[in-house]
Structure formats: C-alpha cells, structure tokens
Amino acid sequence: MTLSTRTYTSTILILAIGALSFGGQAPARPYRTVNRDLIARAEQVTGDRFAVITSSPQGVTVVARTMPRGEFLSAIDRGFTELFAIAQKHGYHNRLSFSDYTVFIAKADRTADSSGQYSPDIAVPAAQYAGGYYDQGGYIYAAGMVLALNPSAFIVAEHDRNLSRVSNVVRYEGEHLVLYYNDRALYERTADHSRGGGHPILQ
C-alpha cells in the first residue's frame, strides 16, 4: 500500500540523529542517519513516538518505538532477501541493497482480523479507499504502507509471533519501491490497491 501522491519524493536535508536508549533484547548496531522530517511524518501517520534507531543484521535501517527483538530484525532481512531475488529474476538492478531501505515498526491498531486470525495492522485514513472494500468507516487496516519513495521507507506493524508474516509484509511493501526505481509503468499501475490488484505483484 502506498500513501497517496503526497508521499515524500523530494530529497530532504539529512539530519543526524544520535543513538537513543536501547534497552531490549537486540544489540545496538550501526545505522544510517535518518531524516528527521521522515520520522515526524511516520509519527503523524501512526500516532507513535519512534525513540529507537538500529539496523537489521543485513543493514536495513530500522526505526521503532522500543528495541525490536533480534528475531524480528531477521524476519525483515528475510523479506528483503526474497524480494531482491525476485527482482533480479525480472532483470531489475536498482535499489537492491539492504542499506537502501528504512523500515518503521509501529504499534498495531488491531491484532486480529474480522475472522479472528492474528493480523497486526495499522489504521490509516481511508482516503482514496473511501467507500470501497477496504473502508472500515473512514479508515482502513493495513499490514504495511509505503511512507516515502526517496528515501525508500515503509511502515510495518509490531508482531509478537508469526514473524513469517513480517517477512511477507516487507517483501510486499518493498515491491512498490523496487518497481518505482526499476519499472515506473508497472509501479503506476499497481501503487494504489483501491483500483484493484494486490500482492505479490512480482512472481
């Protein structure tokens, strides 16, 4: 899912943000500087305060409310590993490095779907989805959403189990960004799920 045509596409001054309190299970890792305006945008969308910046074992920059478990960070890497393999099969070459991406981990607004299945999702305004299948009364639930194209960033919900779902969300949200930088026509056709279609886009 992408956030509409207002998604940040311009390059904004990168501001260094220092390491914050890291209490938790995963050790602190090196990370890239994070755009302060990007963090503010994520906080506006999710209502969270993102106080932790770290990285996955493979170098994805991760921004979260609390220190994510090592298993969660590895699940992020598995999603990108699958995505990059599929992208290379399609002949794509741009933005296929773990360090190209920033993943925000937001508090889930629900943890079960309408059928009672475990489904940590984020509530966001319906916008272009208003009146459609996904509309839940002015908002929709999303497993993940693209936050910015440049820098390449998206949001996933916190999970305490079924981390294979995290890998799937990473793979699927990452598809939008890979397509933006490698196949703009396909990106334009598939960026907005309100017009139909879903994931996987690339198989």
C-alpha atoms as a PDB file:
ATOM      1  CA  MET A   1       0.000   0.000   0.000  1.00  0.00           C
ATOM      2  CA  THR A   2       1.251   3.473  -0.826  1.00  0.00           C
ATOM      3  CA  LEU A   3       0.309   6.686   0.944  1.00  0.00           C
ATOM      4  CA  SER A   4      -1.080   8.699  -1.999  1.00  0.00           C
ATOM      5  CA  THR A   5       0.527  11.191  -4.316  1.00  0.00           C
ATOM      6  CA  ARG A   6       1.604  13.324  -1.342  1.00  0.00           C
ATOM      7  CA  THR A   7       4.221  10.746  -0.386  1.00  0.00           C
ATOM      8  CA  TYR A   8       7.604  12.409   0.040  1.00  0.00           C
ATOM      9  CA  THR A   9       9.502  12.232  -3.237  1.00  0.00           C
ATOM     10  CA  SER A  10      11.898  15.117  -2.815  1.00  0.00           C
ATOM     11  CA  THR A  11      15.296  14.802  -1.264  1.00  0.00           C
ATOM     12  CA  ILE A  12      15.215  16.430   2.163  1.00  0.00           C
ATOM     13  CA  LEU A  13      18.235  17.511   4.142  1.00  0.00           C
ATOM     14  CA  ILE A  14      19.523  14.525   6.070  1.00  0.00           C
ATOM     15  CA  LEU A  15      19.911  15.306   9.742  1.00  0.00           C
ATOM     16  CA  ALA A  16      21.956  13.090  12.011  1.00  0.00           C
ATOM     17  CA  ILE A  17      20.018  11.614  14.896  1.00  0.00           C
ATOM     18  CA  GLY A  18      22.088  10.212  17.728  1.00  0.00           C
ATOM     19  CA  ALA A  19      21.657   6.795  19.300  1.00  0.00           C
ATOM     20  CA  LEU A  20      18.865   6.758  21.848  1.00  0.00           C
ATOM     21  CA  SER A  21      18.202   4.448  24.779  1.00  0.00           C
ATOM     22  CA  PHE A  22      18.482   0.903  23.532  1.00  0.00           C
ATOM     23  CA  GLY A  23      17.274  -1.321  26.380  1.00  0.00           C
ATOM     24  CA  GLY A  24      15.997  -4.599  24.915  1.00  0.00           C
ATOM     25  CA  GLN A  25      16.994  -7.931  23.501  1.00  0.00           C
ATOM     26  CA  ALA A  26      18.790  -6.919  20.319  1.00  0.00           C
ATOM     27  CA  PRO A  27      22.263  -5.362  20.494  1.00  0.00           C
ATOM     28  CA  ALA A  28      22.817  -1.885  19.099  1.00  0.00           C
ATOM     29  CA  ARG A  29      24.056  -1.940  15.516  1.00  0.00           C
ATOM     30  CA  PRO A  30      25.430   0.692  13.184  1.00  0.00           C
ATOM     31  CA  TYR A  31      22.764   2.524  11.205  1.00  0.00           C
ATOM     32  CA  ARG A  32      22.479   5.296   8.675  1.00  0.00           C
ATOM     33  CA  THR A  33      21.400   8.763   9.683  1.00  0.00           C
ATOM     34  CA  VAL A  34      17.643   9.149   9.459  1.00  0.00           C
ATOM     35  CA  ASN A  35      15.752  12.065   8.014  1.00  0.00           C
ATOM     36  CA  ARG A  36      14.114  13.875  10.947  1.00  0.00           C
ATOM     37  CA  ASP A  37      11.220  15.006   8.757  1.00  0.00           C
ATOM     38  CA  LEU A  38      10.662  11.385   7.757  1.00  0.00           C
ATOM     39  CA  ILE A  39      10.394  10.365  11.408  1.00  0.00           C
ATOM     40  CA  ALA A  40       7.944  13.210  12.023  1.00  0.00           C
ATOM     41  CA  ARG A  41       5.863  12.040   9.066  1.00  0.00           C
ATOM     42  CA  ALA A  42       5.790   8.469  10.388  1.00  0.00           C
ATOM     43  CA  GLU A  43       4.741   9.698  13.826  1.00  0.00           C
ATOM     44  CA  GLN A  44       1.984  11.768  12.254  1.00  0.00           C
ATOM     45  CA  VAL A  45       0.657   8.769  10.338  1.00  0.00           C
ATOM     46  CA  THR A  46       0.795   6.210  13.147  1.00  0.00           C
ATOM     47  CA  GLY A  47       0.479   8.330  16.283  1.00  0.00           C
ATOM     48  CA  ASP A  48       3.604   6.683  17.732  1.00  0.00           C
ATOM     49  CA  ARG A  49       6.804   8.141  19.123  1.00  0.00           C
ATOM     50  CA  PHE A  50       9.745   6.455  17.444  1.00  0.00           C
ATOM     51  CA  ALA A  51      12.545   6.516  20.012  1.00  0.00           C
ATOM     52  CA  VAL A  52      14.873   3.749  18.766  1.00  0.00           C
ATOM     53  CA  ILE A  53      17.069   3.628  15.683  1.00  0.00           C
ATOM     54  CA  THR A  54      19.002   0.463  14.881  1.00  0.00           C
ATOM     55  CA  SER A  55      19.616  -1.816  11.909  1.00  0.00           C
ATOM     56  CA  SER A  56      18.946  -5.381  10.865  1.00  0.00           C
ATOM     57  CA  PRO A  57      21.846  -7.848  10.601  1.00  0.00           C
ATOM     58  CA  GLN A  58      21.991  -7.167   6.844  1.00  0.00           C
ATOM     59  CA  GLY A  59      21.947  -3.374   7.203  1.00  0.00           C
ATOM     60  CA  VAL A  60      18.328  -2.238   6.878  1.00  0.00           C
ATOM     61  CA  THR A  61      17.818   0.880   8.988  1.00  0.00           C
ATOM     62  CA  VAL A  62      15.036   0.180  11.489  1.00  0.00           C
ATOM     63  CA  VAL A  63      13.149   2.838  13.465  1.00  0.00           C
ATOM     64  CA  ALA A  64      10.870   1.659  16.268  1.00  0.00           C
ATOM     65  CA  ARG A  65       9.086   2.601  19.492  1.00  0.00           C
ATOM     66  CA  THR A  66      11.115   0.090  21.501  1.00  0.00           C
ATOM     67  CA  MET A  67      14.084  -2.079  20.660  1.00  0.00           C
ATOM     68  CA  PRO A  68      12.890  -4.862  18.324  1.00  0.00           C
ATOM     69  CA  ARG A  69      13.848  -8.449  19.054  1.00  0.00           C
ATOM     70  CA  GLY A  70      16.615 -10.000  17.021  1.00  0.00           C
ATOM     71  CA  GLU A  71      14.107 -12.428  15.512  1.00  0.00           C
ATOM     72  CA  PHE A  72      12.041  -9.524  14.228  1.00  0.00           C
ATOM     73  CA  LEU A  73      15.071  -7.898  12.612  1.00  0.00           C
ATOM     74  CA  SER A  74      15.992 -11.194  10.943  1.00  0.00           C
ATOM     75  CA  ALA A  75      12.426 -11.505   9.634  1.00  0.00           C
ATOM     76  CA  ILE A  76      12.834  -8.094   7.974  1.00  0.00           C
ATOM     77  CA  ASP A  77      16.007  -9.326   6.282  1.00  0.00           C
ATOM     78  CA  ARG A  78      14.286 -12.497   5.047  1.00  0.00           C
ATOM     79  CA  GLY A  79      11.583 -10.412   3.393  1.00  0.00           C
ATOM     80  CA  PHE A  80      14.139  -8.298   1.563  1.00  0.00           C
ATOM     81  CA  THR A  81      16.186 -11.351   0.585  1.00  0.00           C
ATOM     82  CA  GLU A  82      13.143 -12.845  -1.132  1.00  0.00           C
ATOM     83  CA  LEU A  83      12.240  -9.531  -2.744  1.00  0.00           C
ATOM     84  CA  PHE A  84      15.733  -8.960  -4.133  1.00  0.00           C
ATOM     85  CA  ALA A  85      15.884 -12.491  -5.595  1.00  0.00           C
ATOM     86  CA  ILE A  86      12.547 -11.969  -7.368  1.00  0.00           C
ATOM     87  CA  ALA A  87      13.612  -8.515  -8.590  1.00  0.00           C
ATOM     88  CA  GLN A  88      16.849  -9.864 -10.052  1.00  0.00           C
ATOM     89  CA  LYS A  89      14.881 -12.571 -11.831  1.00  0.00           C
ATOM     90  CA  HIS A  90      12.948  -9.781 -13.538  1.00  0.00           C
ATOM     91  CA  GLY A  91      16.157  -8.052 -14.571  1.00  0.00           C
ATOM     92  CA  TYR A  92      15.933  -5.226 -12.055  1.00  0.00           C
ATOM     93  CA  HIS A  93      19.131  -3.750 -10.623  1.00  0.00           C
ATOM     94  CA  ASN A  94      18.256  -0.527  -8.781  1.00  0.00           C
ATOM     95  CA  ARG A  95      17.647  -0.342  -5.024  1.00  0.00           C
ATOM     96  CA  LEU A  96      18.544  -3.960  -4.341  1.00  0.00           C
ATOM     97  CA  SER A  97      20.719  -3.340  -1.285  1.00  0.00           C
ATOM     98  CA  PHE A  98      19.530  -3.749   2.286  1.00  0.00           C
ATOM     99  CA  SER A  99      21.091  -0.403   3.174  1.00  0.00           C
ATOM    100  CA  ASP A 100      18.804   1.346   0.662  1.00  0.00           C
ATOM    101  CA  TYR A 101      15.797   0.882   2.970  1.00  0.00           C
ATOM    102  CA  THR A 102      14.350   2.216   6.199  1.00  0.00           C
ATOM    103  CA  VAL A 103      11.625   0.248   7.986  1.00  0.00           C
ATOM    104  CA  PHE A 104       9.475   1.778  10.729  1.00  0.00           C
ATOM    105  CA  ILE A 105       7.871  -0.593  13.234  1.00  0.00           C
ATOM    106  CA  ALA A 106       4.609   0.902  14.526  1.00  0.00           C
ATOM    107  CA  LYS A 107       2.235  -0.163  17.262  1.00  0.00           C
ATOM    108  CA  ALA A 108      -0.574  -2.283  15.833  1.00  0.00           C
ATOM    109  CA  ASP A 109      -4.054  -0.763  16.000  1.00  0.00           C
ATOM    110  CA  ARG A 110      -5.539  -4.245  15.908  1.00  0.00           C
ATOM    111  CA  THR A 111      -4.070  -7.708  16.351  1.00  0.00           C
ATOM    112  CA  ALA A 112      -6.857  -9.836  14.842  1.00  0.00           C
ATOM    113  CA  ASP A 113      -8.845  -9.507  11.640  1.00  0.00           C
ATOM    114  CA  SER A 114     -12.618  -9.856  11.264  1.00  0.00           C
ATOM    115  CA  SER A 115     -12.317 -13.648  11.261  1.00  0.00           C
ATOM    116  CA  GLY A 116     -10.271 -13.663  14.452  1.00  0.00           C
ATOM    117  CA  GLN A 117      -6.970 -14.525  12.785  1.00  0.00           C
ATOM    118  CA  TYR A 118      -3.776 -12.986  14.164  1.00  0.00           C
ATOM    119  CA  SER A 119      -3.262  -9.917  11.999  1.00  0.00           C
ATOM    120  CA  PRO A 120      -1.358  -6.950  13.475  1.00  0.00           C
ATOM    121  CA  ASP A 121      -2.370  -3.988  11.328  1.00  0.00           C
ATOM    122  CA  ILE A 122      -2.231  -0.201  11.323  1.00  0.00           C
ATOM    123  CA  ALA A 123      -5.326   2.005  10.995  1.00  0.00           C
ATOM    124  CA  VAL A 124      -4.959   4.827   8.483  1.00  0.00           C
ATOM    125  CA  PRO A 125      -7.466   7.254   6.937  1.00  0.00           C
ATOM    126  CA  ALA A 126      -9.391   5.670   4.069  1.00  0.00           C
ATOM    127  CA  ALA A 127      -8.515   8.483   1.614  1.00  0.00           C
ATOM    128  CA  GLN A 128      -8.706   7.002  -1.886  1.00  0.00           C
ATOM    129  CA  TYR A 129     -10.091   3.770  -0.416  1.00  0.00           C
ATOM    130  CA  ALA A 130     -13.211   5.512   0.949  1.00  0.00           C
ATOM    131  CA  GLY A 131     -16.412   3.675   0.094  1.00  0.00           C
ATOM    132  CA  GLY A 132     -14.547   0.645  -1.182  1.00  0.00           C
ATOM    133  CA  TYR A 133     -13.988  -2.880   0.050  1.00  0.00           C
ATOM    134  CA  TYR A 134     -11.235  -1.885   2.496  1.00  0.00           C
ATOM    135  CA  ASP A 135     -13.131   1.049   4.053  1.00  0.00           C
ATOM    136  CA  GLN A 136     -13.863   0.373   7.741  1.00  0.00           C
ATOM    137  CA  GLY A 137     -15.790   3.571   8.341  1.00  0.00           C
ATOM    138  CA  GLY A 138     -13.364   6.273   7.316  1.00  0.00           C
ATOM    139  CA  TYR A 139     -10.193   4.280   7.840  1.00  0.00           C
ATOM    140  CA  ILE A 140      -8.604   1.074   6.636  1.00  0.00           C
ATOM    141  CA  TYR A 141      -6.364  -1.500   8.267  1.00  0.00           C
ATOM    142  CA  ALA A 142      -3.016  -2.041   6.563  1.00  0.00           C
ATOM    143  CA  ALA A 143      -0.334  -4.610   7.357  1.00  0.00           C
ATOM    144  CA  GLY A 144       2.180  -2.122   5.995  1.00  0.00           C
ATOM    145  CA  MET A 145       2.407   1.044   3.965  1.00  0.00           C
ATOM    146  CA  VAL A 146       4.977   2.901   1.920  1.00  0.00           C
ATOM    147  CA  LEU A 147       5.929   6.105   3.710  1.00  0.00           C
ATOM    148  CA  ALA A 148       8.397   7.641   1.258  1.00  0.00           C
ATOM    149  CA  LEU A 149       9.949   6.922  -2.107  1.00  0.00           C
ATOM    150  CA  ASN A 150      13.156   8.869  -1.522  1.00  0.00           C
ATOM    151  CA  PRO A 151      14.458   7.832   0.939  1.00  0.00           C
ATOM    152  CA  SER A 152      12.883   4.401   0.456  1.00  0.00           C
ATOM    153  CA  ALA A 153      10.868   3.810   3.610  1.00  0.00           C
ATOM    154  CA  PHE A 154       7.805   1.941   4.743  1.00  0.00           C
ATOM    155  CA  ILE A 155       5.938   1.032   7.925  1.00  0.00           C
ATOM    156  CA  VAL A 156       5.084  -2.413   9.320  1.00  0.00           C
ATOM    157  CA  ALA A 157       3.158  -3.289  12.464  1.00  0.00           C
ATOM    158  CA  GLU A 158       4.671  -4.805  15.586  1.00  0.00           C
ATOM    159  CA  HIS A 159       4.316  -8.603  15.869  1.00  0.00           C
ATOM    160  CA  ASP A 160       4.979 -10.829  18.859  1.00  0.00           C
ATOM    161  CA  ARG A 161       4.602 -14.082  16.899  1.00  0.00           C
ATOM    162  CA  ASN A 162       4.124 -15.387  13.338  1.00  0.00           C
ATOM    163  CA  LEU A 163       7.177 -13.483  12.143  1.00  0.00           C
ATOM    164  CA  SER A 164       6.868 -15.052   8.700  1.00  0.00           C
ATOM    165  CA  ARG A 165       4.051 -12.549   8.244  1.00  0.00           C
ATOM    166  CA  VAL A 166       6.539  -9.745   8.890  1.00  0.00           C
ATOM    167  CA  SER A 167       8.745 -11.137   6.118  1.00  0.00           C
ATOM    168  CA  ASN A 168       5.756 -11.201   3.772  1.00  0.00           C
ATOM    169  CA  VAL A 169       4.789  -7.609   4.583  1.00  0.00           C
ATOM    170  CA  VAL A 170       8.368  -6.452   3.994  1.00  0.00           C
ATOM    171  CA  ARG A 171       8.519  -8.299   0.690  1.00  0.00           C
ATOM    172  CA  TYR A 172       5.186  -6.858  -0.457  1.00  0.00           C
ATOM    173  CA  GLU A 173       5.701  -3.241   0.605  1.00  0.00           C
ATOM    174  CA  GLY A 174       9.209  -3.378  -0.800  1.00  0.00           C
ATOM    175  CA  GLU A 175       7.748  -4.345  -4.179  1.00  0.00           C
ATOM    176  CA  HIS A 176       6.313  -0.858  -4.598  1.00  0.00           C
ATOM    177  CA  LEU A 177       9.692   0.740  -4.008  1.00  0.00           C
ATOM    178  CA  VAL A 178      11.613  -1.657  -6.243  1.00  0.00           C
ATOM    179  CA  LEU A 179       9.111  -1.031  -9.017  1.00  0.00           C
ATOM    180  CA  TYR A 180       9.349   2.736  -8.583  1.00  0.00           C
ATOM    181  CA  TYR A 181      13.077   2.588  -9.293  1.00  0.00           C
ATOM    182  CA  ASN A 182      13.027  -0.134 -11.945  1.00  0.00           C
ATOM    183  CA  ASP A 183       9.678  -0.233 -13.775  1.00  0.00           C
ATOM    184  CA  ARG A 184       7.832   3.051 -13.409  1.00  0.00           C
ATOM    185  CA  ALA A 185       4.925   2.000 -15.644  1.00  0.00           C
ATOM    186  CA  LEU A 186       4.191  -1.093 -13.554  1.00  0.00           C
ATOM    187  CA  TYR A 187       4.614   0.953 -10.398  1.00  0.00           C
ATOM    188  CA  GLU A 188       1.972   3.433 -11.572  1.00  0.00           C
ATOM    189  CA  ARG A 189      -0.456   0.605 -12.379  1.00  0.00           C
ATOM    190  CA  THR A 190      -0.053  -1.134  -9.033  1.00  0.00           C
ATOM    191  CA  ALA A 191       0.742   1.548  -6.438  1.00  0.00           C
ATOM    192  CA  ASP A 192      -2.880   2.155  -5.491  1.00  0.00           C
ATOM    193  CA  HIS A 193      -4.753  -1.005  -4.446  1.00  0.00           C
ATOM    194  CA  SER A 194      -8.037   0.902  -4.423  1.00  0.00           C
ATOM    195  CA  ARG A 195      -8.064   0.347  -8.180  1.00  0.00           C
ATOM    196  CA  GLY A 196      -7.823  -3.385  -7.723  1.00  0.00           C
ATOM    197  CA  GLY A 197      -4.950  -5.825  -7.522  1.00  0.00           C
ATOM    198  CA  GLY A 198      -2.770  -6.853  -4.643  1.00  0.00           C
ATOM    199  CA  HIS A 199       0.404  -8.723  -3.763  1.00  0.00           C
ATOM    200  CA  PRO A 200       2.552 -10.320  -4.864  1.00  0.00           C
ATOM    201  CA  ILE A 201       2.999  -8.068  -7.865  1.00  0.00           C
ATOM    202  CA  LEU A 202       6.244  -9.766  -8.870  1.00  0.00           C
ATOM    203  CA  GLN A 203       6.327 -13.563  -9.034  1.00  0.00           C
END
